[in-house]
């Protein structure tokens, strides 16, 4: 992945830090400050968020942009 990140324009250092963060999340060393609950969780799936909000904002066509 580091090579792919660098091909996308990330620096060597940034690529390594992202991979270090992924390792920390995957092994449980890095976790959220509080557990998920009804108060801090929305019904929006990651896929829906990307499709409905992130991609339009990234492409400059967000409803509020």
Protein backbone atom coordinates (compact mmCIF):
# COMPACT_ATOMS: atom_id res chain seq x y z
CA UNK A 1 0.00 0.00 0.00
CA UNK A 2 2.85 2.39 0.72
CA UNK A 3 3.86 2.40 -2.94
CA UNK A 4 0.29 3.05 -4.03
CA UNK A 5 -0.05 5.95 -1.60
CA UNK A 6 3.18 7.42 -2.91
CA UNK A 7 2.01 7.02 -6.52
CA UNK A 8 -1.06 9.04 -5.50
CA UNK A 9 1.25 11.84 -4.35
CA UNK A 10 1.65 11.18 -0.64
CA UNK A 11 5.06 11.58 0.92
CA UNK A 12 6.98 8.61 2.25
CA UNK A 13 6.38 9.83 5.80
CA UNK A 14 2.63 10.31 5.35
CA UNK A 15 2.30 6.88 3.74
CA UNK A 16 4.10 5.26 6.68
CA UNK A 17 1.98 7.14 9.24
CA UNK A 18 -1.28 6.05 7.59
CA UNK A 19 -0.13 2.43 7.57
CA UNK A 20 0.97 2.73 11.20
CA UNK A 21 -2.46 4.08 12.13
CA UNK A 22 -4.17 1.21 10.27
CA UNK A 23 -2.04 -1.32 12.15
CA UNK A 24 -2.91 0.37 15.46
CA UNK A 25 -6.63 0.26 14.67
CA UNK A 26 -6.52 -3.34 13.45
CA UNK A 27 -4.66 -4.68 16.51
CA UNK A 28 -6.78 -2.74 19.01
CA UNK A 29 -3.96 -0.46 20.22
CA UNK A 30 -5.89 2.56 18.95
CA UNK A 31 -9.60 2.71 19.74
CA UNK A 32 -12.38 5.25 20.05
CA UNK A 33 -12.61 7.29 23.21
CA UNK A 34 -16.07 5.95 23.95
CA UNK A 35 -18.04 2.91 22.81
CA UNK A 36 -20.70 3.20 20.14
CA UNK A 37 -24.16 4.03 21.42
CA UNK A 38 -27.47 5.35 20.12
CA UNK A 39 -26.32 8.85 21.06
CA UNK A 40 -23.14 8.78 18.93
CA UNK A 41 -24.18 6.51 16.04
CA UNK A 42 -26.25 7.36 13.00
CA UNK A 43 -28.23 4.96 10.79
CA UNK A 44 -26.20 6.10 7.76
CA UNK A 45 -23.94 3.34 6.45
CA UNK A 46 -20.40 4.08 5.31
CA UNK A 47 -21.41 3.19 1.74
CA UNK A 48 -24.38 5.58 1.80
CA UNK A 49 -22.25 8.38 3.26
CA UNK A 50 -19.63 7.99 0.53
CA UNK A 51 -22.21 7.82 -2.26
CA UNK A 52 -24.55 10.55 -1.04
CA UNK A 53 -22.18 13.04 0.64
CA UNK A 54 -18.48 12.41 0.11
CA UNK A 55 -18.39 11.83 -3.66
CA UNK A 56 -20.65 14.83 -4.47
CA UNK A 57 -18.57 17.06 -2.16
CA UNK A 58 -15.33 15.75 -3.66
CA UNK A 59 -16.62 16.40 -7.16
CA UNK A 60 -17.78 19.90 -6.17
CA UNK A 61 -21.47 19.22 -6.57
CA UNK A 62 -22.62 18.97 -2.97
CA UNK A 63 -26.13 20.28 -2.31
CA UNK A 64 -24.82 22.95 0.05
CA UNK A 65 -21.71 23.87 -1.98
